[in-house]
């Protein structure tokens, strides 16, 4: 198991485009990831949730591990598809 928090950077609101956002809270997300090709790995990712000071909408920071609303990384999906293709 790997614990990760990304380096903080500024994000703009996806709804109104305002750059005046602040961290509202953090949520721990569990991601199934095959970082070592043949072995499964679990990443506990501490995701920041931002709140827009202008329109009040909340949103999560973007991350390199997985698409929005998924729990399995893109790399894991590719590895599974490659294994199916080879067999």
PDB file of N, CA and C in Angstrom:
ATOM      1  N   UNK A   1       0.842  -1.173   0.000  1.00  0.00           N
ATOM      2  CA  UNK A   1       0.000   0.000   0.000  1.00  0.00           C
ATOM      3  C   UNK A   1       0.888   1.236   0.000  1.00  0.00           C
ATOM      4  N   UNK A   2       0.508   2.200  -0.812  1.00  0.00           N
ATOM      5  CA  UNK A   2       1.259   3.439  -0.951  1.00  0.00           C
ATOM      6  C   UNK A   2       0.346   4.604  -0.592  1.00  0.00           C
ATOM      7  N   UNK A   3       0.820   5.502   0.276  1.00  0.00           N
ATOM      8  CA  UNK A   3       0.065   6.700   0.650  1.00  0.00           C
ATOM      9  C   UNK A   3       0.610   7.898  -0.127  1.00  0.00           C
ATOM     10  N   UNK A   4      -0.286   8.648  -0.786  1.00  0.00           N
ATOM     11  CA  UNK A   4       0.140   9.750  -1.647  1.00  0.00           C
ATOM     12  C   UNK A   4      -0.726  10.990  -1.405  1.00  0.00           C
ATOM     13  N   UNK A   5      -0.063  12.148  -1.352  1.00  0.00           N
ATOM     14  CA  UNK A   5      -0.716  13.448  -1.427  1.00  0.00           C
ATOM     15  C   UNK A   5       0.048  14.237  -2.469  1.00  0.00           C
ATOM     16  N   UNK A   6      -0.638  14.785  -3.466  1.00  0.00           N
ATOM     17  CA  UNK A   6       0.025  15.530  -4.529  1.00  0.00           C
ATOM     18  C   UNK A   6       0.496  16.893  -4.031  1.00  0.00           C
ATOM     19  N   UNK A   7       1.487  17.444  -4.724  1.00  0.00           N
ATOM     20  CA  UNK A   7       1.987  18.775  -4.408  1.00  0.00           C
ATOM     21  C   UNK A   7       0.864  19.775  -4.699  1.00  0.00           C
ATOM     22  N   UNK A   8       0.682  20.706  -3.798  1.00  0.00           N
ATOM     23  CA  UNK A   8      -0.396  21.688  -3.927  1.00  0.00           C
ATOM     24  C   UNK A   8      -0.100  22.661  -5.057  1.00  0.00           C
ATOM     25  N   UNK A   9      -1.134  22.954  -5.864  1.00  0.00           N
ATOM     26  CA  UNK A   9      -1.030  23.984  -6.895  1.00  0.00           C
ATOM     27  C   UNK A   9      -2.388  24.642  -7.058  1.00  0.00           C
ATOM     28  N   UNK A  10      -2.423  25.768  -7.726  1.00  0.00           N
ATOM     29  CA  UNK A  10      -3.669  26.519  -7.900  1.00  0.00           C
ATOM     30  C   UNK A  10      -4.535  25.871  -8.977  1.00  0.00           C
ATOM     31  N   UNK A  11      -5.829  25.829  -8.742  1.00  0.00           N
ATOM     32  CA  UNK A  11      -6.798  25.327  -9.697  1.00  0.00           C
ATOM     33  C   UNK A  11      -7.861  26.387  -9.913  1.00  0.00           C
ATOM     34  N   UNK A  12      -8.402  26.435 -11.119  1.00  0.00           N
ATOM     35  CA  UNK A  12      -9.513  27.346 -11.376  1.00  0.00           C
ATOM     36  C   UNK A  12     -10.813  26.553 -11.353  1.00  0.00           C
ATOM     37  N   UNK A  13     -11.878  27.218 -11.023  1.00  0.00           N
ATOM     38  CA  UNK A  13     -13.184  26.587 -10.913  1.00  0.00           C
ATOM     39  C   UNK A  13     -13.657  26.113 -12.291  1.00  0.00           C
ATOM     40  N   UNK A  14     -14.066  24.835 -12.419  1.00  0.00           N
ATOM     41  CA  UNK A  14     -14.546  24.350 -13.709  1.00  0.00           C
ATOM     42  C   UNK A  14     -15.907  24.946 -14.097  1.00  0.00           C
ATOM     43  N   UNK A  15     -16.642  25.478 -13.138  1.00  0.00           N
ATOM     44  CA  UNK A  15     -17.958  26.056 -13.437  1.00  0.00           C
ATOM     45  C   UNK A  15     -17.877  27.495 -13.929  1.00  0.00           C
ATOM     46  N   UNK A  16     -17.174  28.339 -13.172  1.00  0.00           N
ATOM     47  CA  UNK A  16     -17.153  29.764 -13.527  1.00  0.00           C
ATOM     48  C   UNK A  16     -15.786  30.257 -14.004  1.00  0.00           C
ATOM     49  N   UNK A  17     -14.736  29.446 -13.841  1.00  0.00           N
ATOM     50  CA  UNK A  17     -13.402  29.827 -14.305  1.00  0.00           C
ATOM     51  C   UNK A  17     -12.627  30.694 -13.340  1.00  0.00           C
ATOM     52  N   UNK A  18     -13.196  31.007 -12.187  1.00  0.00           N
ATOM     53  CA  UNK A  18     -12.530  31.854 -11.204  1.00  0.00           C
ATOM     54  C   UNK A  18     -11.318  31.134 -10.613  1.00  0.00           C
ATOM     55  N   UNK A  19     -10.271  31.910 -10.338  1.00  0.00           N
ATOM     56  CA  UNK A  19      -9.080  31.311  -9.727  1.00  0.00           C
ATOM     57  C   UNK A  19      -9.077  31.489  -8.211  1.00  0.00           C
ATOM     58  N   UNK A  20     -10.112  32.081  -7.653  1.00  0.00           N
ATOM     59  CA  UNK A  20     -10.188  32.297  -6.205  1.00  0.00           C
ATOM     60  C   UNK A  20     -10.842  31.077  -5.536  1.00  0.00           C
ATOM     61  N   UNK A  21     -10.060  30.019  -5.398  1.00  0.00           N
ATOM     62  CA  UNK A  21     -10.546  28.794  -4.771  1.00  0.00           C
ATOM     63  C   UNK A  21      -9.718  28.512  -3.523  1.00  0.00           C
ATOM     64  N   UNK A  22     -10.295  27.754  -2.615  1.00  0.00           N
ATOM     65  CA  UNK A  22      -9.563  27.353  -1.430  1.00  0.00           C
ATOM     66  C   UNK A  22      -9.867  25.880  -1.126  1.00  0.00           C
ATOM     67  N   UNK A  23      -8.968  25.227  -0.394  1.00  0.00           N
ATOM     68  CA  UNK A  23      -9.157  23.817  -0.043  1.00  0.00           C
ATOM     69  C   UNK A  23     -10.273  23.721   0.981  1.00  0.00           C
ATOM     70  N   UNK A  24     -11.314  22.990   0.632  1.00  0.00           N
ATOM     71  CA  UNK A  24     -12.444  22.806   1.547  1.00  0.00           C
ATOM     72  C   UNK A  24     -12.159  21.658   2.502  1.00  0.00           C
ATOM     73  N   UNK A  25     -11.729  20.528   1.943  1.00  0.00           N
ATOM     74  CA  UNK A  25     -11.376  19.375   2.770  1.00  0.00           C
ATOM     75  C   UNK A  25     -10.586  18.369   1.941  1.00  0.00           C
ATOM     76  N   UNK A  26     -10.255  17.262   2.570  1.00  0.00           N
ATOM     77  CA  UNK A  26      -9.528  16.184   1.917  1.00  0.00           C
ATOM     78  C   UNK A  26     -10.369  14.914   1.990  1.00  0.00           C
ATOM     79  N   UNK A  27     -10.265  14.077   0.977  1.00  0.00           N
ATOM     80  CA  UNK A  27     -10.942  12.789   0.988  1.00  0.00           C
ATOM     81  C   UNK A  27      -9.928  11.724   0.579  1.00  0.00           C
ATOM     82  N   UNK A  28      -9.856  10.653   1.346  1.00  0.00           N
ATOM     83  CA  UNK A  28      -8.951   9.564   1.009  1.00  0.00           C
ATOM     84  C   UNK A  28      -9.637   8.628   0.028  1.00  0.00           C
ATOM     85  N   UNK A  29      -8.994   8.437  -1.128  1.00  0.00           N
ATOM     86  CA  UNK A  29      -9.524   7.560  -2.165  1.00  0.00           C
ATOM     87  C   UNK A  29      -8.596   6.359  -2.310  1.00  0.00           C
ATOM     88  N   UNK A  30      -9.183   5.168  -2.425  1.00  0.00           N
ATOM     89  CA  UNK A  30      -8.403   3.952  -2.645  1.00  0.00           C
ATOM     90  C   UNK A  30      -8.425   3.632  -4.132  1.00  0.00           C
ATOM     91  N   UNK A  31      -7.227   3.473  -4.714  1.00  0.00           N
ATOM     92  CA  UNK A  31      -7.094   3.233  -6.147  1.00  0.00           C
ATOM     93  C   UNK A  31      -6.356   1.927  -6.364  1.00  0.00           C
ATOM     94  N   UNK A  32      -6.933   1.032  -7.152  1.00  0.00           N
ATOM     95  CA  UNK A  32      -6.252  -0.190  -7.547  1.00  0.00           C
ATOM     96  C   UNK A  32      -5.344   0.167  -8.709  1.00  0.00           C
ATOM     97  N   UNK A  33      -4.044  -0.109  -8.547  1.00  0.00           N
ATOM     98  CA  UNK A  33      -3.057   0.305  -9.537  1.00  0.00           C
ATOM     99  C   UNK A  33      -2.024  -0.791  -9.714  1.00  0.00           C
ATOM    100  N   UNK A  34      -1.617  -1.047 -10.932  1.00  0.00           N
ATOM    101  CA  UNK A  34      -0.574  -2.051 -11.156  1.00  0.00           C
ATOM    102  C   UNK A  34       0.720  -1.339 -11.501  1.00  0.00           C
ATOM    103  N   UNK A  35       1.339  -0.773 -10.511  1.00  0.00           N
ATOM    104  CA  UNK A  35       2.565  -0.013 -10.693  1.00  0.00           C
ATOM    105  C   UNK A  35       3.735  -0.916 -11.057  1.00  0.00           C
ATOM    106  N   UNK A  36       3.666  -2.164 -10.673  1.00  0.00           N
ATOM    107  CA  UNK A  36       4.767  -3.097 -10.920  1.00  0.00           C
ATOM    108  C   UNK A  36       4.403  -4.137 -11.979  1.00  0.00           C
ATOM    109  N   UNK A  37       3.625  -3.749 -12.980  1.00  0.00           N
ATOM    110  CA  UNK A  37       3.185  -4.586 -14.096  1.00  0.00           C
ATOM    111  C   UNK A  37       2.479  -5.865 -13.690  1.00  0.00           C
ATOM    112  N   UNK A  38       3.141  -6.781 -13.011  1.00  0.00           N
ATOM    113  CA  UNK A  38       2.521  -8.073 -12.716  1.00  0.00           C
ATOM    114  C   UNK A  38       1.883  -8.127 -11.329  1.00  0.00           C
ATOM    115  N   UNK A  39       2.098  -7.120 -10.524  1.00  0.00           N
ATOM    116  CA  UNK A  39       1.558  -7.128  -9.165  1.00  0.00           C
ATOM    117  C   UNK A  39       0.529  -6.030  -8.972  1.00  0.00           C
ATOM    118  N   UNK A  40      -0.481  -6.364  -8.227  1.00  0.00           N
ATOM    119  CA  UNK A  40      -1.494  -5.381  -7.889  1.00  0.00           C
ATOM    120  C   UNK A  40      -0.983  -4.511  -6.744  1.00  0.00           C
ATOM    121  N   UNK A  41      -1.363  -3.269  -6.766  1.00  0.00           N
ATOM    122  CA  UNK A  41      -0.917  -2.326  -5.745  1.00  0.00           C
ATOM    123  C   UNK A  41      -2.113  -1.456  -5.369  1.00  0.00           C
ATOM    124  N   UNK A  42      -2.224  -1.095  -4.117  1.00  0.00           N
ATOM    125  CA  UNK A  42      -3.298  -0.224  -3.666  1.00  0.00           C
ATOM    126  C   UNK A  42      -2.696   1.123  -3.282  1.00  0.00           C
ATOM    127  N   UNK A  43      -3.228   2.165  -3.875  1.00  0.00           N
ATOM    128  CA  UNK A  43      -2.780   3.523  -3.567  1.00  0.00           C
ATOM    129  C   UNK A  43      -3.862   4.206  -2.742  1.00  0.00           C
ATOM    130  N   UNK A  44      -3.468   4.724  -1.590  1.00  0.00           N
ATOM    131  CA  UNK A  44      -4.375   5.570  -0.808  1.00  0.00           C
ATOM    132  C   UNK A  44      -3.995   7.000  -1.127  1.00  0.00           C
ATOM    133  N   UNK A  45      -4.877   7.658  -1.845  1.00  0.00           N
ATOM    134  CA  UNK A  45      -4.628   8.990  -2.361  1.00  0.00           C
ATOM    135  C   UNK A  45      -5.451  10.006  -1.582  1.00  0.00           C
ATOM    136  N   UNK A  46      -4.788  10.966  -0.990  1.00  0.00           N
ATOM    137  CA  UNK A  46      -5.452  12.010  -0.199  1.00  0.00           C
ATOM    138  C   UNK A  46      -5.789  13.162  -1.142  1.00  0.00           C
ATOM    139  N   UNK A  47      -7.011  13.158  -1.663  1.00  0.00           N
ATOM    140  CA  UNK A  47      -7.442  14.125  -2.675  1.00  0.00           C
ATOM    141  C   UNK A  47      -7.971  15.403  -2.034  1.00  0.00           C
ATOM    142  N   UNK A  48      -7.558  16.524  -2.595  1.00  0.00           N
ATOM    143  CA  UNK A  48      -8.063  17.818  -2.130  1.00  0.00           C
ATOM    144  C   UNK A  48      -9.390  18.128  -2.813  1.00  0.00           C
ATOM    145  N   UNK A  49     -10.323  18.656  -2.047  1.00  0.00           N
ATOM    146  CA  UNK A  49     -11.578  19.135  -2.601  1.00  0.00           C
ATOM    147  C   UNK A  49     -11.595  20.637  -2.417  1.00  0.00           C
ATOM    148  N   UNK A  50     -11.762  21.347  -3.506  1.00  0.00           N
ATOM    149  CA  UNK A  50     -11.736  22.800  -3.493  1.00  0.00           C
ATOM    150  C   UNK A  50     -13.150  23.370  -3.485  1.00  0.00           C
ATOM    151  N   UNK A  51     -13.284  24.575  -2.969  1.00  0.00           N
ATOM    152  CA  UNK A  51     -14.537  25.322  -3.016  1.00  0.00           C
ATOM    153  C   UNK A  51     -14.252  26.666  -3.677  1.00  0.00           C
ATOM    154  N   UNK A  52     -15.112  27.037  -4.605  1.00  0.00           N
ATOM    155  CA  UNK A  52     -14.966  28.313  -5.306  1.00  0.00           C
ATOM    156  C   UNK A  52     -15.549  29.427  -4.433  1.00  0.00           C
ATOM    157  N   UNK A  53     -14.785  30.489  -4.269  1.00  0.00           N
ATOM    158  CA  UNK A  53     -15.242  31.618  -3.456  1.00  0.00           C
ATOM    159  C   UNK A  53     -16.299  32.453  -4.186  1.00  0.00           C
ATOM    160  N   UNK A  54     -16.373  32.330  -5.497  1.00  0.00           N
ATOM    161  CA  UNK A  54     -17.312  33.136  -6.282  1.00  0.00           C
ATOM    162  C   UNK A  54     -18.669  32.444  -6.413  1.00  0.00           C
ATOM    163  N   UNK A  55     -18.678  31.200  -6.950  1.00  0.00           N
ATOM    164  CA  UNK A  55     -19.972  30.538  -7.214  1.00  0.00           C
ATOM    165  C   UNK A  55     -20.333  29.481  -6.170  1.00  0.00           C
ATOM    166  N   UNK A  56     -19.386  29.118  -5.295  1.00  0.00           N
ATOM    167  CA  UNK A  56     -19.684  28.171  -4.225  1.00  0.00           C
ATOM    168  C   UNK A  56     -19.617  26.700  -4.623  1.00  0.00           C
ATOM    169  N   UNK A  57     -19.306  26.396  -5.886  1.00  0.00           N
ATOM    170  CA  UNK A  57     -19.215  24.996  -6.340  1.00  0.00           C
ATOM    171  C   UNK A  57     -17.976  24.340  -5.751  1.00  0.00           C
ATOM    172  N   UNK A  58     -18.073  23.026  -5.522  1.00  0.00           N
ATOM    173  CA  UNK A  58     -16.918  22.269  -5.039  1.00  0.00           C
ATOM    174  C   UNK A  58     -16.467  21.317  -6.141  1.00  0.00           C
ATOM    175  N   UNK A  59     -15.166  21.011  -6.139  1.00  0.00           N
ATOM    176  CA  UNK A  59     -14.596  20.108  -7.129  1.00  0.00           C
ATOM    177  C   UNK A  59     -13.290  19.541  -6.600  1.00  0.00           C
ATOM    178  N   UNK A  60     -12.913  18.366  -7.115  1.00  0.00           N
ATOM    179  CA  UNK A  60     -11.670  17.720  -6.730  1.00  0.00           C
ATOM    180  C   UNK A  60     -10.538  18.158  -7.651  1.00  0.00           C
ATOM    181  N   UNK A  61      -9.316  18.131  -7.135  1.00  0.00           N
ATOM    182  CA  UNK A  61      -8.150  18.412  -7.963  1.00  0.00           C
ATOM    183  C   UNK A  61      -7.980  17.292  -8.991  1.00  0.00           C
ATOM    184  N   UNK A  62      -7.397  17.618 -10.121  1.00  0.00           N
ATOM    185  CA  UNK A  62      -7.122  16.587 -11.114  1.00  0.00           C
ATOM    186  C   UNK A  62      -5.909  15.785 -10.645  1.00  0.00           C
ATOM    187  N   UNK A  63      -5.859  14.507 -11.067  1.00  0.00           N
ATOM    188  CA  UNK A  63      -4.745  13.659 -10.643  1.00  0.00           C
ATOM    189  C   UNK A  63      -4.294  12.786 -11.803  1.00  0.00           C
ATOM    190  N   UNK A  64      -3.045  12.318 -11.758  1.00  0.00           N
ATOM    191  CA  UNK A  64      -2.508  11.528 -12.869  1.00  0.00           C
ATOM    192  C   UNK A  64      -2.854  10.045 -12.799  1.00  0.00           C
ATOM    193  N   UNK A  65      -3.598   9.622 -11.782  1.00  0.00           N
ATOM    194  CA  UNK A  65      -3.817   8.195 -11.565  1.00  0.00           C
ATOM    195  C   UNK A  65      -5.027   7.630 -12.296  1.00  0.00           C
ATOM    196  N   UNK A  66      -6.126   8.354 -12.284  1.00  0.00           N
ATOM    197  CA  UNK A  66      -7.342   7.787 -12.837  1.00  0.00           C
ATOM    198  C   UNK A  66      -8.294   8.859 -13.316  1.00  0.00           C
ATOM    199  N   UNK A  67      -9.191   8.473 -14.235  1.00  0.00           N
ATOM    200  CA  UNK A  67     -10.217   9.420 -14.683  1.00  0.00           C
ATOM    201  C   UNK A  67     -11.228   9.700 -13.561  1.00  0.00           C
ATOM    202  N   UNK A  68     -11.992  10.735 -13.740  1.00  0.00           N
ATOM    203  CA  UNK A  68     -12.991  11.120 -12.752  1.00  0.00           C
ATOM    204  C   UNK A  68     -13.984   9.988 -12.481  1.00  0.00           C
ATOM    205  N   UNK A  69     -14.302   9.767 -11.217  1.00  0.00           N
ATOM    206  CA  UNK A  69     -15.283   8.781 -10.747  1.00  0.00           C
ATOM    207  C   UNK A  69     -14.883   7.321 -10.969  1.00  0.00           C
ATOM    208  N   UNK A  70     -13.603   7.043 -11.167  1.00  0.00           N
ATOM    209  CA  UNK A  70     -13.128   5.670 -11.323  1.00  0.00           C
ATOM    210  C   UNK A  70     -12.311   5.266 -10.101  1.00  0.00           C
ATOM    211  N   UNK A  71     -12.167   3.954  -9.879  1.00  0.00           N
ATOM    212  CA  UNK A  71     -11.357   3.453  -8.759  1.00  0.00           C
ATOM    213  C   UNK A  71     -10.225   2.551  -9.235  1.00  0.00           C
ATOM    214  N   UNK A  72     -10.157   2.306 -10.537  1.00  0.00           N
ATOM    215  CA  UNK A  72      -9.082   1.494 -11.114  1.00  0.00           C
ATOM    216  C   UNK A  72      -8.293   2.387 -12.061  1.00  0.00           C
ATOM    217  N   UNK A  73      -6.965   2.397 -11.913  1.00  0.00           N
ATOM    218  CA  UNK A  73      -6.149   3.281 -12.736  1.00  0.00           C
ATOM    219  C   UNK A  73      -6.144   2.846 -14.190  1.00  0.00           C
ATOM    220  N   UNK A  74      -5.834   3.791 -15.061  1.00  0.00           N
ATOM    221  CA  UNK A  74      -5.766   3.515 -16.495  1.00  0.00           C
ATOM    222  C   UNK A  74      -4.679   2.491 -16.802  1.00  0.00           C
ATOM    223  N   UNK A  75      -3.570   2.538 -16.080  1.00  0.00           N
ATOM    224  CA  UNK A  75      -2.484   1.576 -16.282  1.00  0.00           C
ATOM    225  C   UNK A  75      -2.936   0.153 -15.962  1.00  0.00           C
ATOM    226  N   UNK A  76      -3.725  -0.020 -14.918  1.00  0.00           N
ATOM    227  CA  UNK A  76      -4.244  -1.344 -14.563  1.00  0.00           C
ATOM    228  C   UNK A  76      -5.157  -1.879 -15.670  1.00  0.00           C
ATOM    229  N   UNK A  77      -6.009  -1.033 -16.195  1.00  0.00           N
ATOM    230  CA  UNK A  77      -6.904  -1.442 -17.287  1.00  0.00           C
ATOM    231  C   UNK A  77      -6.090  -1.874 -18.499  1.00  0.00           C
ATOM    232  N   UNK A  78      -5.055  -1.104 -18.851  1.00  0.00           N
ATOM    233  CA  UNK A  78      -4.204  -1.462 -19.983  1.00  0.00           C
ATOM    234  C   UNK A  78      -3.490  -2.787 -19.769  1.00  0.00           C
ATOM    235  N   UNK A  79      -2.997  -3.015 -18.561  1.00  0.00           N
ATOM    236  CA  UNK A  79      -2.314  -4.280 -18.259  1.00  0.00           C
ATOM    237  C   UNK A  79      -3.262  -5.466 -18.375  1.00  0.00           C
ATOM    238  N   UNK A  80      -4.483  -5.323 -17.913  1.00  0.00           N
ATOM    239  CA  UNK A  80      -5.471  -6.398 -18.016  1.00  0.00           C
ATOM    240  C   UNK A  80      -5.803  -6.677 -19.476  1.00  0.00           C
ATOM    241  N   UNK A  81      -5.995  -5.627 -20.256  1.00  0.00           N
ATOM    242  CA  UNK A  81      -6.296  -5.807 -21.666  1.00  0.00           C
ATOM    243  C   UNK A  81      -5.143  -6.477 -22.416  1.00  0.00           C
ATOM    244  N   UNK A  82      -3.915  -6.118 -22.065  1.00  0.00           N
ATOM    245  CA  UNK A  82      -2.744  -6.746 -22.689  1.00  0.00           C
ATOM    246  C   UNK A  82      -2.667  -8.225 -22.344  1.00  0.00           C
ATOM    247  N   UNK A  83      -2.983  -8.579 -21.112  1.00  0.00           N
ATOM    248  CA  UNK A  83      -2.978  -9.989 -20.712  1.00  0.00           C
ATOM    249  C   UNK A  83      -4.059 -10.772 -21.456  1.00  0.00           C
ATOM    250  N   UNK A  84      -5.223 -10.182 -21.647  1.00  0.00           N
ATOM    251  CA  UNK A  84      -6.303 -10.844 -22.385  1.00  0.00           C
ATOM    252  C   UNK A  84      -5.918 -11.016 -23.851  1.00  0.00           C
ATOM    253  N   UNK A  85      -5.255 -10.031 -24.384  1.00  0.00           N
ATOM    254  CA  UNK A  85      -4.838 -10.074 -25.790  1.00  0.00           C
ATOM    255  C   UNK A  85      -3.802 -11.168 -26.030  1.00  0.00           C
ATOM    256  N   UNK A  86      -2.887 -11.357 -25.062  1.00  0.00           N
ATOM    257  CA  UNK A  86      -1.827 -12.354 -25.201  1.00  0.00           C
ATOM    258  C   UNK A  86      -2.336 -13.777 -25.018  1.00  0.00           C
ATOM    259  N   UNK A  87      -3.439 -13.967 -24.331  1.00  0.00           N
ATOM    260  CA  UNK A  87      -3.922 -15.333 -24.083  1.00  0.00           C
ATOM    261  C   UNK A  87      -4.898 -15.811 -25.116  1.00  0.00           C
TER     262      UNK A  87
END
